[in-house]
């Protein structure tokens, strides 16, 4: 596969992911980055955010996706 086709495939994949994210938010699924278990600390003048559960969820999803793609 040459670089042009790879770039088109990645672009289409990102567009599909964006559409999926929009559809999920319209259907009432929790937004990534706002999942239960993510830690938010709000001080007087600062906010610190630790998206622990979001990172774990994305890691599991990407691991499964790459494992399925690797079986070809």
N, C-alpha and C. Protein backbone atom coordinates (compact mmCIF):
# COMPACT_ATOMS: atom_id res chain seq x y z
N UNK A 1 0.85 -1.18 0.00
CA UNK A 1 0.00 0.00 0.00
C UNK A 1 0.90 1.24 0.00
N UNK A 2 0.64 2.15 -0.91
CA UNK A 2 1.48 3.34 -0.95
C UNK A 2 0.98 4.39 0.05
N UNK A 3 1.75 5.43 0.24
CA UNK A 3 1.47 6.43 1.28
C UNK A 3 0.17 7.20 1.00
N UNK A 4 -0.16 7.43 -0.26
CA UNK A 4 -1.38 8.15 -0.59
C UNK A 4 -2.63 7.39 -0.16
N UNK A 5 -2.65 6.10 -0.46
CA UNK A 5 -3.80 5.28 -0.06
C UNK A 5 -3.88 5.16 1.45
N UNK A 6 -2.73 5.07 2.09
CA UNK A 6 -2.71 4.99 3.55
C UNK A 6 -3.30 6.26 4.17
N UNK A 7 -2.92 7.41 3.63
CA UNK A 7 -3.44 8.68 4.15
C UNK A 7 -4.94 8.80 3.93
N UNK A 8 -5.43 8.34 2.79
CA UNK A 8 -6.87 8.36 2.54
C UNK A 8 -7.60 7.43 3.51
N UNK A 9 -7.05 6.25 3.75
CA UNK A 9 -7.66 5.30 4.67
C UNK A 9 -7.71 5.85 6.10
N UNK A 10 -6.62 6.47 6.52
CA UNK A 10 -6.58 7.06 7.87
C UNK A 10 -7.59 8.21 7.97
N UNK A 11 -7.67 9.04 6.94
CA UNK A 11 -8.63 10.14 6.94
C UNK A 11 -10.06 9.66 6.99
N UNK A 12 -10.39 8.63 6.21
CA UNK A 12 -11.73 8.07 6.25
C UNK A 12 -12.03 7.43 7.59
N UNK A 13 -11.04 6.80 8.17
CA UNK A 13 -11.21 6.21 9.51
C UNK A 13 -11.49 7.27 10.57
N UNK A 14 -10.76 8.38 10.50
CA UNK A 14 -10.99 9.47 11.45
C UNK A 14 -12.36 10.10 11.26
N UNK A 15 -12.78 10.24 10.01
CA UNK A 15 -14.11 10.79 9.74
C UNK A 15 -15.20 9.87 10.28
N UNK A 16 -15.03 8.57 10.10
CA UNK A 16 -15.99 7.60 10.62
C UNK A 16 -16.02 7.64 12.15
N UNK A 17 -14.87 7.77 12.76
CA UNK A 17 -14.80 7.88 14.22
C UNK A 17 -15.50 9.13 14.71
N UNK A 18 -15.34 10.23 14.00
CA UNK A 18 -16.02 11.47 14.35
C UNK A 18 -17.53 11.34 14.25
N UNK A 19 -18.01 10.70 13.17
CA UNK A 19 -19.44 10.48 13.02
C UNK A 19 -19.99 9.56 14.10
N UNK A 20 -19.23 8.56 14.46
CA UNK A 20 -19.64 7.65 15.53
C UNK A 20 -19.73 8.37 16.86
N UNK A 21 -18.79 9.25 17.13
CA UNK A 21 -18.80 10.03 18.36
C UNK A 21 -20.00 10.96 18.41
N UNK A 22 -20.31 11.61 17.30
CA UNK A 22 -21.49 12.47 17.25
C UNK A 22 -22.78 11.68 17.46
N UNK A 23 -22.87 10.53 16.82
CA UNK A 23 -24.07 9.70 16.96
C UNK A 23 -24.22 9.19 18.38
N UNK A 24 -23.11 8.81 19.01
CA UNK A 24 -23.17 8.31 20.38
C UNK A 24 -23.63 9.40 21.34
N UNK A 25 -23.20 10.64 21.13
CA UNK A 25 -23.62 11.72 22.03
C UNK A 25 -25.10 12.04 21.84
N UNK A 26 -25.61 11.89 20.62
CA UNK A 26 -27.04 12.12 20.36
C UNK A 26 -27.91 11.03 20.98
N UNK A 27 -27.36 9.82 21.10
CA UNK A 27 -28.11 8.70 21.66
C UNK A 27 -28.01 8.63 23.18
N UNK A 28 -27.26 9.53 23.79
CA UNK A 28 -27.19 9.59 25.25
C UNK A 28 -26.06 8.82 25.88
N UNK A 29 -25.12 8.31 25.08
CA UNK A 29 -23.96 7.64 25.65
C UNK A 29 -23.07 8.68 26.32
N UNK A 30 -22.37 8.30 27.40
CA UNK A 30 -21.49 9.28 28.05
C UNK A 30 -20.35 9.68 27.13
N UNK A 31 -19.99 10.96 27.18
CA UNK A 31 -18.88 11.46 26.36
C UNK A 31 -17.57 10.94 26.91
N UNK A 32 -16.64 10.67 26.00
CA UNK A 32 -15.30 10.30 26.45
C UNK A 32 -14.70 11.50 27.15
N UNK A 33 -14.06 11.26 28.26
CA UNK A 33 -13.50 12.34 29.04
C UNK A 33 -14.42 12.77 30.16
N UNK A 34 -15.63 12.27 30.16
CA UNK A 34 -16.58 12.59 31.22
C UNK A 34 -17.17 11.31 31.81
N UNK A 35 -16.42 10.24 31.79
CA UNK A 35 -16.91 8.97 32.29
C UNK A 35 -16.86 8.94 33.82
N UNK A 36 -17.75 8.15 34.43
CA UNK A 36 -17.67 7.98 35.88
C UNK A 36 -16.33 7.35 36.25
N UNK A 37 -15.68 7.86 37.23
CA UNK A 37 -14.38 7.36 37.63
C UNK A 37 -13.24 8.28 37.22
N UNK A 38 -13.49 9.19 36.28
CA UNK A 38 -12.49 10.20 35.94
C UNK A 38 -12.42 11.20 37.09
N UNK A 39 -11.23 11.59 37.45
CA UNK A 39 -11.02 12.43 38.63
C UNK A 39 -10.85 13.89 38.21
N UNK A 40 -11.62 14.77 38.85
CA UNK A 40 -11.51 16.20 38.61
C UNK A 40 -11.29 16.89 39.95
N UNK A 41 -10.23 17.65 40.05
CA UNK A 41 -9.96 18.45 41.24
C UNK A 41 -10.10 19.92 40.88
N UNK A 42 -10.98 20.60 41.55
CA UNK A 42 -11.18 22.03 41.30
C UNK A 42 -10.77 22.80 42.55
N UNK A 43 -9.74 23.60 42.40
CA UNK A 43 -9.30 24.48 43.47
C UNK A 43 -9.84 25.87 43.25
N UNK A 44 -9.32 26.83 44.00
CA UNK A 44 -9.77 28.22 43.82
C UNK A 44 -9.46 28.75 42.43
N UNK A 45 -8.22 28.59 42.02
CA UNK A 45 -7.78 29.17 40.74
C UNK A 45 -7.31 28.14 39.73
N UNK A 46 -7.55 26.86 40.01
CA UNK A 46 -7.03 25.84 39.12
C UNK A 46 -7.97 24.64 39.04
N UNK A 47 -7.88 23.95 37.95
CA UNK A 47 -8.62 22.70 37.77
C UNK A 47 -7.64 21.67 37.22
N UNK A 48 -7.60 20.51 37.86
CA UNK A 48 -6.73 19.42 37.42
C UNK A 48 -7.62 18.23 37.10
N UNK A 49 -7.40 17.64 35.95
CA UNK A 49 -8.26 16.59 35.45
C UNK A 49 -7.44 15.34 35.18
N UNK A 50 -7.86 14.20 35.72
CA UNK A 50 -7.20 12.91 35.52
C UNK A 50 -8.20 11.94 34.88
N UNK A 51 -8.17 11.78 33.56
CA UNK A 51 -9.14 10.90 32.89
C UNK A 51 -8.73 9.42 32.93
N UNK A 52 -8.69 8.85 34.13
CA UNK A 52 -8.18 7.50 34.31
C UNK A 52 -9.07 6.47 33.60
N UNK A 53 -10.37 6.53 33.85
CA UNK A 53 -11.29 5.54 33.26
C UNK A 53 -11.36 5.70 31.75
N UNK A 54 -11.32 6.92 31.26
CA UNK A 54 -11.32 7.15 29.82
C UNK A 54 -10.08 6.52 29.18
N UNK A 55 -8.92 6.67 29.80
CA UNK A 55 -7.69 6.08 29.27
C UNK A 55 -7.77 4.55 29.24
N UNK A 56 -8.33 3.97 30.29
CA UNK A 56 -8.46 2.51 30.34
C UNK A 56 -9.43 2.04 29.26
N UNK A 57 -10.57 2.72 29.10
CA UNK A 57 -11.55 2.33 28.10
C UNK A 57 -10.96 2.43 26.69
N UNK A 58 -10.26 3.51 26.39
CA UNK A 58 -9.64 3.66 25.07
C UNK A 58 -8.57 2.61 24.83
N UNK A 59 -7.82 2.28 25.87
CA UNK A 59 -6.78 1.27 25.74
C UNK A 59 -7.38 -0.09 25.41
N UNK A 60 -8.47 -0.44 26.08
CA UNK A 60 -9.12 -1.72 25.81
C UNK A 60 -9.68 -1.75 24.39
N UNK A 61 -10.36 -0.67 23.98
CA UNK A 61 -10.93 -0.62 22.63
C UNK A 61 -9.86 -0.69 21.55
N UNK A 62 -8.78 0.05 21.73
CA UNK A 62 -7.71 0.03 20.72
C UNK A 62 -7.00 -1.32 20.70
N UNK A 63 -6.83 -1.95 21.85
CA UNK A 63 -6.21 -3.27 21.90
C UNK A 63 -7.05 -4.29 21.15
N UNK A 64 -8.37 -4.25 21.37
CA UNK A 64 -9.26 -5.17 20.66
C UNK A 64 -9.26 -4.91 19.16
N UNK A 65 -9.30 -3.64 18.77
CA UNK A 65 -9.31 -3.30 17.35
C UNK A 65 -8.02 -3.74 16.67
N UNK A 66 -6.89 -3.50 17.29
CA UNK A 66 -5.61 -3.89 16.69
C UNK A 66 -5.44 -5.41 16.68
N UNK A 67 -5.97 -6.10 17.68
CA UNK A 67 -5.90 -7.57 17.70
C UNK A 67 -6.74 -8.13 16.55
N UNK A 68 -7.89 -7.55 16.30
CA UNK A 68 -8.72 -8.02 15.20
C UNK A 68 -8.08 -7.72 13.84
N UNK A 69 -7.46 -6.55 13.70
CA UNK A 69 -6.79 -6.21 12.46
C UNK A 69 -5.54 -7.06 12.23
N UNK A 70 -4.90 -7.47 13.31
CA UNK A 70 -3.68 -8.26 13.20
C UNK A 70 -3.92 -9.71 12.81
N UNK A 71 -5.16 -10.17 12.84
CA UNK A 71 -5.46 -11.57 12.52
C UNK A 71 -5.49 -11.84 11.03
N UNK A 72 -5.44 -10.83 10.21
CA UNK A 72 -5.51 -11.02 8.76
C UNK A 72 -4.40 -11.86 8.25
